[in-house]
PDB file of N, CA and C in Angstrom:
ATOM      1  N   MET A   1       0.875  -1.202   0.009  1.00  0.00           N
ATOM      2  CA  MET A   1       0.121  -0.110   0.063  1.00  0.00           C
ATOM      3  C   MET A   1       0.847   1.182  -0.070  1.00  0.00           C
ATOM      4  N   HIS A   2       1.101   1.911  -1.282  1.00  0.00           N
ATOM      5  CA  HIS A   2       1.775   3.047  -1.094  1.00  0.00           C
ATOM      6  C   HIS A   2       1.363   4.064  -0.013  1.00  0.00           C
ATOM      7  N   GLU A   3       0.197   4.456   0.102  1.00  0.00           N
ATOM      8  CA  GLU A   3      -0.619   5.580   0.911  1.00  0.00           C
ATOM      9  C   GLU A   3       0.362   5.369   2.451  1.00  0.00           C
ATOM     10  N   LEU A   4       0.344   4.059   3.257  1.00  0.00           N
ATOM     11  CA  LEU A   4       1.198   3.902   4.136  1.00  0.00           C
ATOM     12  C   LEU A   4       2.378   4.148   3.828  1.00  0.00           C
ATOM     13  N   THR A   5       3.256   3.730   3.150  1.00  0.00           N
ATOM     14  CA  THR A   5       4.785   4.580   3.258  1.00  0.00           C
ATOM     15  C   THR A   5       4.560   6.109   3.086  1.00  0.00           C
ATOM     16  N   LEU A   6       3.545   6.492   2.290  1.00  0.00           N
ATOM     17  CA  LEU A   6       3.496   8.095   2.360  1.00  0.00           C
ATOM     18  C   LEU A   6       3.495   8.483   3.977  1.00  0.00           C
ATOM     19  N   ALA A   7       2.253   8.147   4.515  1.00  0.00           N
ATOM     20  CA  ALA A   7       1.737   8.663   5.656  1.00  0.00           C
ATOM     21  C   ALA A   7       3.078   8.223   6.818  1.00  0.00           C
ATOM     22  N   GLU A   8       3.866   7.194   6.937  1.00  0.00           N
ATOM     23  CA  GLU A   8       5.038   6.926   7.666  1.00  0.00           C
ATOM     24  C   GLU A   8       5.736   8.184   7.304  1.00  0.00           C
ATOM     25  N   SER A   9       5.985   8.842   6.358  1.00  0.00           N
ATOM     26  CA  SER A   9       7.146   9.984   5.993  1.00  0.00           C
ATOM     27  C   SER A   9       6.363  10.809   6.619  1.00  0.00           C
ATOM     28  N   VAL A  10       4.954  11.439   6.817  1.00  0.00           N
ATOM     29  CA  VAL A  10       4.171  11.995   7.157  1.00  0.00           C
ATOM     30  C   VAL A  10       4.668  12.630   8.651  1.00  0.00           C
ATOM     31  N   VAL A  11       4.248  11.334   9.486  1.00  0.00           N
ATOM     32  CA  VAL A  11       4.317  11.110  10.734  1.00  0.00           C
ATOM     33  C   VAL A  11       5.636  11.506  11.139  1.00  0.00           C
ATOM     34  N   ALA A  12       6.931  10.971  10.671  1.00  0.00           N
ATOM     35  CA  ALA A  12       8.159  11.186  10.755  1.00  0.00           C
ATOM     36  C   ALA A  12       8.766  12.657  11.051  1.00  0.00           C
ATOM     37  N   ILE A  13       8.176  13.344   9.247  1.00  0.00           N
ATOM     38  CA  ILE A  13       8.253  14.987   9.534  1.00  0.00           C
ATOM     39  C   ILE A  13       7.456  15.380  10.254  1.00  0.00           C
ATOM     40  N   ALA A  14       6.478  15.115  10.962  1.00  0.00           N
ATOM     41  CA  ALA A  14       5.723  16.101  12.262  1.00  0.00           C
ATOM     42  C   ALA A  14       6.208  15.737  13.507  1.00  0.00           C
ATOM     43  N   GLU A  15       6.565  14.376  13.703  1.00  0.00           N
ATOM     44  CA  GLU A  15       7.504  14.124  15.037  1.00  0.00           C
ATOM     45  C   GLU A  15       8.950  14.848  14.962  1.00  0.00           C
ATOM     46  N   ALA A  16       9.383  14.768  14.001  1.00  0.00           N
ATOM     47  CA  ALA A  16      10.752  15.878  14.147  1.00  0.00           C
ATOM     48  C   ALA A  16      10.622  17.308  14.198  1.00  0.00           C
ATOM     49  N   ALA A  17       9.484  17.505  13.873  1.00  0.00           N
ATOM     50  CA  ALA A  17       9.258  19.087  13.979  1.00  0.00           C
ATOM     51  C   ALA A  17       9.092  19.427  15.297  1.00  0.00           C
ATOM     52  N   ALA A  18       8.252  18.573  15.994  1.00  0.00           N
ATOM     53  CA  ALA A  18       7.402  18.549  17.309  1.00  0.00           C
ATOM     54  C   ALA A  18       8.971  18.440  18.306  1.00  0.00           C
ATOM     55  N   ARG A  19       9.574  17.291  18.023  1.00  0.00           N
ATOM     56  CA  ARG A  19      10.916  17.428  19.033  1.00  0.00           C
ATOM     57  C   ARG A  19      11.783  18.694  18.733  1.00  0.00           C
ATOM     58  N   ARG A  20      12.051  19.028  17.638  1.00  0.00           N
ATOM     59  CA  ARG A  20      12.902  20.455  17.506  1.00  0.00           C
ATOM     60  C   ARG A  20      12.154  21.580  18.565  1.00  0.00           C
ATOM     61  N   ALA A  21      11.280  21.691  18.277  1.00  0.00           N
ATOM     62  CA  ALA A  21      10.070  22.834  18.918  1.00  0.00           C
ATOM     63  C   ALA A  21      10.013  22.469  20.538  1.00  0.00           C
ATOM     64  N   GLY A  22      10.428  21.373  21.021  1.00  0.00           N
ATOM     65  CA  GLY A  22      10.403  20.768  22.423  1.00  0.00           C
ATOM     66  C   GLY A  22       8.675  20.394  22.921  1.00  0.00           C
ATOM     67  N   ALA A  23       8.219  20.320  21.680  1.00  0.00           N
ATOM     68  CA  ALA A  23       6.598  19.784  22.100  1.00  0.00           C
ATOM     69  C   ALA A  23       6.371  18.470  22.876  1.00  0.00           C
ATOM     70  N   ARG A  24       5.326  18.187  23.297  1.00  0.00           N
ATOM     71  CA  ARG A  24       4.967  16.921  23.928  1.00  0.00           C
ATOM     72  C   ARG A  24       4.225  16.178  22.947  1.00  0.00           C
ATOM     73  N   ARG A  25       3.622  16.913  22.158  1.00  0.00           N
ATOM     74  CA  ARG A  25       2.584  15.997  21.305  1.00  0.00           C
ATOM     75  C   ARG A  25       2.202  16.890  19.839  1.00  0.00           C
ATOM     76  N   VAL A  26       1.732  15.980  18.906  1.00  0.00           N
ATOM     77  CA  VAL A  26       1.579  16.783  17.420  1.00  0.00           C
ATOM     78  C   VAL A  26      -0.022  16.432  17.659  1.00  0.00           C
ATOM     79  N   THR A  27      -0.602  17.912  17.351  1.00  0.00           N
ATOM     80  CA  THR A  27      -2.299  17.691  17.461  1.00  0.00           C
ATOM     81  C   THR A  27      -3.011  18.010  16.233  1.00  0.00           C
ATOM     82  N   ARG A  28      -1.988  18.438  15.226  1.00  0.00           N
ATOM     83  CA  ARG A  28      -2.642  18.615  14.109  1.00  0.00           C
ATOM     84  C   ARG A  28      -1.716  18.295  12.685  1.00  0.00           C
ATOM     85  N   VAL A  29      -1.920  17.787  11.372  1.00  0.00           N
ATOM     86  CA  VAL A  29      -1.232  17.803  10.608  1.00  0.00           C
ATOM     87  C   VAL A  29      -1.784  18.131   9.192  1.00  0.00           C
ATOM     88  N   ARG A  30      -1.716  18.950   8.665  1.00  0.00           N
ATOM     89  CA  ARG A  30      -2.439  19.648   7.325  1.00  0.00           C
ATOM     90  C   ARG A  30      -1.497  19.082   6.081  1.00  0.00           C
ATOM     91  N   LEU A  31      -2.249  18.702   5.089  1.00  0.00           N
ATOM     92  CA  LEU A  31      -1.492  18.261   3.865  1.00  0.00           C
ATOM     93  C   LEU A  31      -1.977  19.150   2.776  1.00  0.00           C
ATOM     94  N   ALA A  32      -1.020  19.029   1.983  1.00  0.00           N
ATOM     95  CA  ALA A  32      -1.578  19.775   0.288  1.00  0.00           C
ATOM     96  C   ALA A  32      -1.051  18.525  -0.419  1.00  0.00           C
ATOM     97  N   LEU A  33      -2.175  18.229  -1.140  1.00  0.00           N
ATOM     98  CA  LEU A  33      -2.089  16.993  -2.426  1.00  0.00           C
ATOM     99  C   LEU A  33      -2.301  17.588  -3.405  1.00  0.00           C
ATOM    100  N   GLY A  34      -1.676  17.553  -4.548  1.00  0.00           N
ATOM    101  CA  GLY A  34      -1.857  17.826  -5.778  1.00  0.00           C
ATOM    102  C   GLY A  34      -2.897  17.157  -6.872  1.00  0.00           C
ATOM    103  N   LEU A  35      -3.389  17.569  -7.863  1.00  0.00           N
ATOM    104  CA  LEU A  35      -4.348  17.022  -8.273  1.00  0.00           C
ATOM    105  C   LEU A  35      -3.788  15.362  -9.032  1.00  0.00           C
ATOM    106  N   LEU A  36      -2.661  15.613  -9.376  1.00  0.00           N
ATOM    107  CA  LEU A  36      -2.113  14.284 -10.062  1.00  0.00           C
ATOM    108  C   LEU A  36      -1.170  13.509  -8.968  1.00  0.00           C
ATOM    109  N   ALA A  37      -1.530  13.717  -7.489  1.00  0.00           N
ATOM    110  CA  ALA A  37      -0.122  13.079  -6.805  1.00  0.00           C
ATOM    111  C   ALA A  37      -0.991  11.472  -6.453  1.00  0.00           C
ATOM    112  N   HIS A  38      -0.215  10.767  -6.571  1.00  0.00           N
ATOM    113  CA  HIS A  38      -0.433   9.309  -6.625  1.00  0.00           C
ATOM    114  C   HIS A  38      -0.837   8.715  -5.282  1.00  0.00           C
ATOM    115  N   ALA A  39      -1.850   9.323  -4.599  1.00  0.00           N
ATOM    116  CA  ALA A  39      -2.256   8.934  -3.463  1.00  0.00           C
ATOM    117  C   ALA A  39      -3.607   9.046  -3.311  1.00  0.00           C
ATOM    118  N   GLU A  40      -4.455   8.469  -3.000  1.00  0.00           N
ATOM    119  CA  GLU A  40      -6.253   8.444  -2.591  1.00  0.00           C
ATOM    120  C   GLU A  40      -6.188   9.061  -1.304  1.00  0.00           C
ATOM    121  N   THR A  41      -6.685  10.342  -1.203  1.00  0.00           N
ATOM    122  CA  THR A  41      -7.173  11.599   0.216  1.00  0.00           C
ATOM    123  C   THR A  41      -7.786  10.461   1.492  1.00  0.00           C
ATOM    124  N   ASP A  42      -8.605   9.787   1.116  1.00  0.00           N
ATOM    125  CA  ASP A  42      -8.955   8.967   2.435  1.00  0.00           C
ATOM    126  C   ASP A  42      -8.521   7.788   2.896  1.00  0.00           C
ATOM    127  N   THR A  43      -7.562   7.280   1.913  1.00  0.00           N
ATOM    128  CA  THR A  43      -6.819   6.039   2.076  1.00  0.00           C
ATOM    129  C   THR A  43      -5.851   7.028   2.983  1.00  0.00           C
ATOM    130  N   LEU A  44      -4.869   7.833   2.526  1.00  0.00           N
ATOM    131  CA  LEU A  44      -3.926   8.346   3.002  1.00  0.00           C
ATOM    132  C   LEU A  44      -4.235   9.025   4.790  1.00  0.00           C
ATOM    133  N   LEU A  45      -5.224   9.576   4.638  1.00  0.00           N
ATOM    134  CA  LEU A  45      -5.829  10.163   6.161  1.00  0.00           C
ATOM    135  C   LEU A  45      -5.491   9.293   6.802  1.00  0.00           C
ATOM    136  N   TYR A  46      -6.275   7.722   6.624  1.00  0.00           N
ATOM    137  CA  TYR A  46      -6.376   6.419   7.650  1.00  0.00           C
ATOM    138  C   TYR A  46      -4.948   6.225   7.751  1.00  0.00           C
ATOM    139  N   CYS A  47      -4.020   6.013   6.660  1.00  0.00           N
ATOM    140  CA  CYS A  47      -2.978   5.466   7.428  1.00  0.00           C
ATOM    141  C   CYS A  47      -2.046   6.376   8.072  1.00  0.00           C
ATOM    142  N   CYS A  48      -2.199   7.450   7.684  1.00  0.00           N
ATOM    143  CA  CYS A  48      -1.722   8.631   8.989  1.00  0.00           C
ATOM    144  C   CYS A  48      -2.147   8.130  10.271  1.00  0.00           C
ATOM    145  N   GLN A  49      -3.134   8.114  10.402  1.00  0.00           N
ATOM    146  CA  GLN A  49      -3.870   7.683  11.839  1.00  0.00           C
ATOM    147  C   GLN A  49      -2.996   6.418  12.149  1.00  0.00           C
ATOM    148  N   LEU A  50      -2.838   5.464  11.395  1.00  0.00           N
ATOM    149  CA  LEU A  50      -2.328   3.950  11.623  1.00  0.00           C
ATOM    150  C   LEU A  50      -0.883   4.490  11.950  1.00  0.00           C
ATOM    151  N   ALA A  51      -0.281   4.936  11.136  1.00  0.00           N
ATOM    152  CA  ALA A  51       1.380   4.849  11.301  1.00  0.00           C
ATOM    153  C   ALA A  51       1.575   5.763  12.529  1.00  0.00           C
ATOM    154  N   ALA A  52       0.800   6.911  12.920  1.00  0.00           N
ATOM    155  CA  ALA A  52       0.684   7.651  14.376  1.00  0.00           C
ATOM    156  C   ALA A  52       0.841   7.187  15.567  1.00  0.00           C
ATOM    157  N   ARG A  53      -0.089   5.954  15.327  1.00  0.00           N
ATOM    158  CA  ARG A  53      -0.041   5.519  16.795  1.00  0.00           C
ATOM    159  C   ARG A  53       1.309   4.977  17.504  1.00  0.00           C
ATOM    160  N   ASP A  54       1.218   5.135  18.866  1.00  0.00           N
ATOM    161  CA  ASP A  54       2.403   5.057  19.740  1.00  0.00           C
ATOM    162  C   ASP A  54       3.390   6.080  19.138  1.00  0.00           C
ATOM    163  N   THR A  55       3.285   7.076  18.859  1.00  0.00           N
ATOM    164  CA  THR A  55       3.935   8.491  18.419  1.00  0.00           C
ATOM    165  C   THR A  55       3.489   9.926  19.267  1.00  0.00           C
ATOM    166  N   LEU A  56       4.494  10.678  18.899  1.00  0.00           N
ATOM    167  CA  LEU A  56       3.941  12.308  19.585  1.00  0.00           C
ATOM    168  C   LEU A  56       2.595  12.506  19.070  1.00  0.00           C
ATOM    169  N   ALA A  57       2.195  12.024  17.433  1.00  0.00           N
ATOM    170  CA  ALA A  57       1.454  12.452  16.802  1.00  0.00           C
ATOM    171  C   ALA A  57       0.107  11.316  16.732  1.00  0.00           C
ATOM    172  N   ALA A  58      -0.002  10.638  18.029  1.00  0.00           N
ATOM    173  CA  ALA A  58      -0.849   9.741  18.028  1.00  0.00           C
ATOM    174  C   ALA A  58      -2.503  10.120  18.031  1.00  0.00           C
ATOM    175  N   ASP A  59      -2.641  11.200  18.655  1.00  0.00           N
ATOM    176  CA  ASP A  59      -3.995  11.698  18.889  1.00  0.00           C
ATOM    177  C   ASP A  59      -4.245  12.964  18.129  1.00  0.00           C
ATOM    178  N   ALA A  60      -3.528  13.038  16.857  1.00  0.00           N
ATOM    179  CA  ALA A  60      -3.377  14.154  15.956  1.00  0.00           C
ATOM    180  C   ALA A  60      -4.846  14.133  14.881  1.00  0.00           C
ATOM    181  N   GLU A  61      -4.933  15.147  14.497  1.00  0.00           N
ATOM    182  CA  GLU A  61      -6.208  15.308  13.451  1.00  0.00           C
ATOM    183  C   GLU A  61      -5.263  15.403  12.100  1.00  0.00           C
ATOM    184  N   PHE A  62      -5.351  14.896  11.343  1.00  0.00           N
ATOM    185  CA  PHE A  62      -4.732  14.662   9.738  1.00  0.00           C
ATOM    186  C   PHE A  62      -6.047  15.175   9.143  1.00  0.00           C
ATOM    187  N   GLN A  63      -5.189  16.185   8.080  1.00  0.00           N
ATOM    188  CA  GLN A  63      -6.239  16.868   7.161  1.00  0.00           C
ATOM    189  C   GLN A  63      -5.597  17.045   5.694  1.00  0.00           C
ATOM    190  N   ALA A  64      -6.591  16.933   4.825  1.00  0.00           N
ATOM    191  CA  ALA A  64      -5.723  16.962   3.497  1.00  0.00           C
ATOM    192  C   ALA A  64      -6.474  17.707   2.466  1.00  0.00           C
ATOM    193  N   GLU A  65      -5.894  18.694   1.957  1.00  0.00           N
ATOM    194  CA  GLU A  65      -6.787  19.545   0.797  1.00  0.00           C
ATOM    195  C   GLU A  65      -6.074  19.019  -0.717  1.00  0.00           C
ATOM    196  N   ARG A  66      -6.556  19.034  -1.569  1.00  0.00           N
ATOM    197  CA  ARG A  66      -6.246  19.022  -3.043  1.00  0.00           C
ATOM    198  C   ARG A  66      -6.228  20.356  -3.642  1.00  0.00           C
ATOM    199  N   ARG A  67      -5.141  20.381  -4.439  1.00  0.00           N
ATOM    200  CA  ARG A  67      -4.636  21.424  -4.953  1.00  0.00           C
ATOM    201  C   ARG A  67      -4.756  20.989  -6.760  1.00  0.00           C
ATOM    202  N   PRO A  68      -4.914  22.196  -7.236  1.00  0.00           N
ATOM    203  CA  PRO A  68      -5.260  22.303  -8.534  1.00  0.00           C
ATOM    204  C   PRO A  68      -3.635  21.907  -9.508  1.00  0.00           C
ATOM    205  N   ALA A  69      -4.127  21.553 -10.574  1.00  0.00           N
ATOM    206  CA  ALA A  69      -2.777  21.280 -11.345  1.00  0.00           C
ATOM    207  C   ALA A  69      -2.918  22.465 -12.510  1.00  0.00           C
ATOM    208  N   GLN A  70      -1.955  22.859 -13.448  1.00  0.00           N
ATOM    209  CA  GLN A  70      -2.134  23.616 -14.568  1.00  0.00           C
ATOM    210  C   GLN A  70      -2.140  23.166 -15.678  1.00  0.00           C
ATOM    211  N   ALA A  71      -2.812  23.797 -16.447  1.00  0.00           N
ATOM    212  CA  ALA A  71      -2.555  23.148 -18.113  1.00  0.00           C
ATOM    213  C   ALA A  71      -2.322  24.203 -18.836  1.00  0.00           C
ATOM    214  N   HIS A  72      -2.234  23.580 -20.323  1.00  0.00           N
ATOM    215  CA  HIS A  72      -1.952  24.541 -21.521  1.00  0.00           C
ATOM    216  C   HIS A  72      -2.732  24.074 -22.574  1.00  0.00           C
ATOM    217  N   CYS A  73      -3.719  24.663 -23.129  1.00  0.00           N
ATOM    218  CA  CYS A  73      -4.413  23.713 -23.808  1.00  0.00           C
ATOM    219  C   CYS A  73      -3.503  24.127 -25.648  1.00  0.00           C
ATOM    220  N   GLY A  74      -3.317  22.929 -25.937  1.00  0.00           N
ATOM    221  CA  GLY A  74      -2.364  23.012 -27.431  1.00  0.00           C
ATOM    222  C   GLY A  74      -3.106  23.039 -28.408  1.00  0.00           C
ATOM    223  N   ASP A  75      -4.739  23.295 -28.603  1.00  0.00           N
ATOM    224  CA  ASP A  75      -5.479  23.774 -29.399  1.00  0.00           C
ATOM    225  C   ASP A  75      -5.765  25.335 -29.498  1.00  0.00           C
ATOM    226  N   CYS A  76      -5.969  26.074 -28.314  1.00  0.00           N
ATOM    227  CA  CYS A  76      -6.142  27.512 -28.535  1.00  0.00           C
ATOM    228  C   CYS A  76      -5.111  28.223 -27.716  1.00  0.00           C
ATOM    229  N   GLY A  77      -4.445  27.707 -26.785  1.00  0.00           N
ATOM    230  CA  GLY A  77      -3.400  28.414 -25.952  1.00  0.00           C
ATOM    231  C   GLY A  77      -3.708  28.560 -24.661  1.00  0.00           C
ATOM    232  N   GLN A  78      -4.919  28.387 -24.148  1.00  0.00           N
ATOM    233  CA  GLN A  78      -5.304  28.850 -22.756  1.00  0.00           C
ATOM    234  C   GLN A  78      -4.682  28.459 -22.035  1.00  0.00           C
ATOM    235  N   ARG A  79      -4.068  29.430 -20.787  1.00  0.00           N
ATOM    236  CA  ARG A  79      -3.824  28.633 -19.391  1.00  0.00           C
ATOM    237  C   ARG A  79      -5.007  28.302 -18.540  1.00  0.00           C
ATOM    238  N   ALA A  80      -4.763  27.469 -17.928  1.00  0.00           N
ATOM    239  CA  ALA A  80      -5.962  27.281 -16.628  1.00  0.00           C
ATOM    240  C   ALA A  80      -5.452  26.193 -15.425  1.00  0.00           C
ATOM    241  N   GLU A  81      -6.042  26.471 -14.743  1.00  0.00           N
ATOM    242  CA  GLU A  81      -6.466  25.380 -13.404  1.00  0.00           C
ATOM    243  C   GLU A  81      -7.289  24.364 -13.527  1.00  0.00           C
ATOM    244  N   ILE A  82      -6.465  23.568 -13.354  1.00  0.00           N
ATOM    245  CA  ILE A  82      -7.336  21.962 -13.544  1.00  0.00           C
ATOM    246  C   ILE A  82      -7.584  21.520 -12.244  1.00  0.00           C
ATOM    247  N   ALA A  83      -8.997  21.525 -11.721  1.00  0.00           N
ATOM    248  CA  ALA A  83      -9.530  21.054 -10.061  1.00  0.00           C
ATOM    249  C   ALA A  83      -9.777  19.540 -10.597  1.00  0.00           C
ATOM    250  N   SER A  84     -10.423  18.975 -11.806  1.00  0.00           N
ATOM    251  CA  SER A  84     -10.491  17.514 -11.336  1.00  0.00           C
ATOM    252  C   SER A  84     -10.242  17.121 -12.782  1.00  0.00           C
ATOM    253  N   LEU A  85     -10.123  15.722 -12.824  1.00  0.00           N
ATOM    254  CA  LEU A  85      -9.818  14.839 -14.151  1.00  0.00           C
ATOM    255  C   LEU A  85     -11.484  14.140 -14.428  1.00  0.00           C
ATOM    256  N   PRO A  86     -11.444  13.841 -15.520  1.00  0.00           N
ATOM    257  CA  PRO A  86     -10.744  14.464 -17.075  1.00  0.00           C
ATOM    258  C   PRO A  86     -11.366  15.737 -17.093  1.00  0.00           C
ATOM    259  N   ALA A  87     -10.417  16.593 -17.514  1.00  0.00           N
ATOM    260  CA  ALA A  87     -10.484  17.965 -17.801  1.00  0.00           C
ATOM    261  C   ALA A  87     -10.532  18.112 -19.246  1.00  0.00           C
ATOM    262  N   ARG A  88     -11.209  19.711 -19.538  1.00  0.00           N
ATOM    263  CA  ARG A  88     -11.271  20.014 -20.893  1.00  0.00           C
ATOM    264  C   ARG A  88     -10.783  21.464 -20.774  1.00  0.00           C
ATOM    265  N   CYS A  89     -10.424  22.304 -21.962  1.00  0.00           N
ATOM    266  CA  CYS A  89     -10.301  23.150 -21.885  1.00  0.00           C
ATOM    267  C   CYS A  89     -11.402  24.195 -21.531  1.00  0.00           C
ATOM    268  N   PRO A  90     -11.418  25.125 -20.258  1.00  0.00           N
ATOM    269  CA  PRO A  90     -12.544  26.274 -20.246  1.00  0.00           C
ATOM    270  C   PRO A  90     -12.744  26.952 -21.604  1.00  0.00           C
ATOM    271  N   ARG A  91     -11.991  27.089 -22.355  1.00  0.00           N
ATOM    272  CA  ARG A  91     -12.281  28.117 -23.450  1.00  0.00           C
ATOM    273  C   ARG A  91     -12.672  27.514 -24.487  1.00  0.00           C
ATOM    274  N   CYS A  92     -12.031  26.595 -25.047  1.00  0.00           N
ATOM    275  CA  CYS A  92     -12.451  25.929 -26.201  1.00  0.00           C
ATOM    276  C   CYS A  92     -13.032  24.706 -26.112  1.00  0.00           C
ATOM    277  N   GLY A  93     -13.080  24.135 -25.028  1.00  0.00           N
ATOM    278  CA  GLY A  93     -13.494  22.638 -24.536  1.00  0.00           C
ATOM    279  C   GLY A  93     -12.858  21.484 -25.574  1.00  0.00           C
ATOM    280  N   GLY A  94     -11.432  21.858 -25.796  1.00  0.00           N
ATOM    281  CA  GLY A  94     -10.625  20.955 -25.984  1.00  0.00           C
ATOM    282  C   GLY A  94     -10.218  19.947 -25.265  1.00  0.00           C
ATOM    283  N   GLU A  95      -9.550  18.941 -25.552  1.00  0.00           N
ATOM    284  CA  GLU A  95      -9.128  17.522 -24.380  1.00  0.00           C
ATOM    285  C   GLU A  95      -7.579  17.834 -24.641  1.00  0.00           C
ATOM    286  N   ASN A  96      -6.764  18.631 -25.768  1.00  0.00           N
ATOM    287  CA  ASN A  96      -5.455  18.658 -25.980  1.00  0.00           C
ATOM    288  C   ASN A  96      -4.870  19.329 -24.808  1.00  0.00           C
ATOM    289  N   LEU A  97      -4.872  18.947 -23.638  1.00  0.00           N
ATOM    290  CA  LEU A  97      -4.241  19.840 -22.644  1.00  0.00           C
ATOM    291  C   LEU A  97      -2.882  19.434 -22.115  1.00  0.00           C
ATOM    292  N   ALA A  98      -1.823  20.060 -21.813  1.00  0.00           N
ATOM    293  CA  ALA A  98      -0.577  19.588 -21.344  1.00  0.00           C
ATOM    294  C   ALA A  98      -0.635  20.096 -19.811  1.00  0.00           C
ATOM    295  N   LEU A  99      -0.963  19.049 -18.865  1.00  0.00           N
ATOM    296  CA  LEU A  99      -0.944  19.182 -17.559  1.00  0.00           C
ATOM    297  C   LEU A  99       0.715  19.465 -16.820  1.00  0.00           C
ATOM    298  N   GLU A 100       1.005  20.594 -16.054  1.00  0.00           N
ATOM    299  CA  GLU A 100       1.685  21.168 -15.420  1.00  0.00           C
ATOM    300  C   GLU A 100       1.745  20.891 -13.956  1.00  0.00           C
ATOM    301  N   GLY A 101       2.537  20.440 -13.101  1.00  0.00           N
ATOM    302  CA  GLY A 101       2.676  20.483 -11.887  1.00  0.00           C
ATOM    303  C   GLY A 101       1.536  19.476 -11.565  1.00  0.00           C
ATOM    304  N   GLY A 102       0.884  19.847 -10.135  1.00  0.00           N
ATOM    305  CA  GLY A 102      -0.098  19.461  -9.766  1.00  0.00           C
ATOM    306  C   GLY A 102       0.127  17.789  -9.168  1.00  0.00           C
ATOM    307  N   ASP A 103       1.408  17.360  -9.078  1.00  0.00           N
ATOM    308  CA  ASP A 103       1.755  16.001  -8.333  1.00  0.00           C
ATOM    309  C   ASP A 103       2.489  15.757  -7.043  1.00  0.00           C
ATOM    310  N   GLU A 104       2.670  17.122  -6.626  1.00  0.00           N
ATOM    311  CA  GLU A 104       3.154  17.570  -5.366  1.00  0.00           C
ATOM    312  C   GLU A 104       2.545  16.743  -3.997  1.00  0.00           C
ATOM    313  N   MET A 105       3.474  16.852  -3.108  1.00  0.00           N
ATOM    314  CA  MET A 105       2.254  16.510  -1.815  1.00  0.00           C
ATOM    315  C   MET A 105       3.480  16.843  -0.760  1.00  0.00           C
ATOM    316  N   ARG A 106       2.759  18.064   0.495  1.00  0.00           N
ATOM    317  CA  ARG A 106       3.606  18.680   0.933  1.00  0.00           C
ATOM    318  C   ARG A 106       2.914  18.729   2.682  1.00  0.00           C
ATOM    319  N   VAL A 107       3.377  18.930   3.588  1.00  0.00           N
ATOM    320  CA  VAL A 107       3.087  19.018   4.831  1.00  0.00           C
ATOM    321  C   VAL A 107       2.924  20.428   5.082  1.00  0.00           C
ATOM    322  N   VAL A 108       2.042  21.303   4.958  1.00  0.00           N
ATOM    323  CA  VAL A 108       1.689  22.711   5.014  1.00  0.00           C
ATOM    324  C   VAL A 108       1.793  23.413   6.681  1.00  0.00           C
ATOM    325  N   ASP A 109       1.260  22.342   7.512  1.00  0.00           N
ATOM    326  CA  ASP A 109       1.029  22.794   8.793  1.00  0.00           C
ATOM    327  C   ASP A 109       1.105  21.915   9.835  1.00  0.00           C
ATOM    328  N   ILE A 110       1.663  22.194  10.946  1.00  0.00           N
ATOM    329  CA  ILE A 110       1.809  21.031  12.149  1.00  0.00           C
ATOM    330  C   ILE A 110       1.795  21.927  13.186  1.00  0.00           C
ATOM    331  N   GLY A 111       0.544  21.521  14.201  1.00  0.00           N
ATOM    332  CA  GLY A 111      -0.090  22.202  15.372  1.00  0.00           C
ATOM    333  C   GLY A 111       0.471  21.254  16.274  1.00  0.00           C
ATOM    334  N   ILE A 112       1.385  21.927  17.184  1.00  0.00           N
ATOM    335  CA  ILE A 112       2.068  21.075  18.206  1.00  0.00           C
ATOM    336  C   ILE A 112       1.543  21.800  19.998  1.00  0.00           C
ATOM    337  N   ARG A 113       1.829  21.192  20.860  1.00  0.00           N
ATOM    338  CA  ARG A 113       1.645  21.293  22.505  1.00  0.00           C
ATOM    339  C   ARG A 113       3.050  20.905  23.097  1.00  0.00           C
TER     340      ARG A 113
END
């Protein structure tokens, strides 16, 4: 399960940040997932809870938000944000889109105590 490996990394990042700050626990971890990130959001959040057991993040709330990808239409030249797939050009309705970015996964915020 790919999401479990990602979740273990998320928990390790959160724990390291908490330790550096001298905190006793992690209360919240907020993630940003690009539209094209190869992770299923609900599965990743569940795996984060599993990976957090017996860590400083054991009772943390894990949250994730999807971020759009950028696209360039090869038919009309329009640049646009794409928030869901499959996608069409918002100007001409074409499907000749070159997607850019949108594959990132980042820890955006960590709450500690």
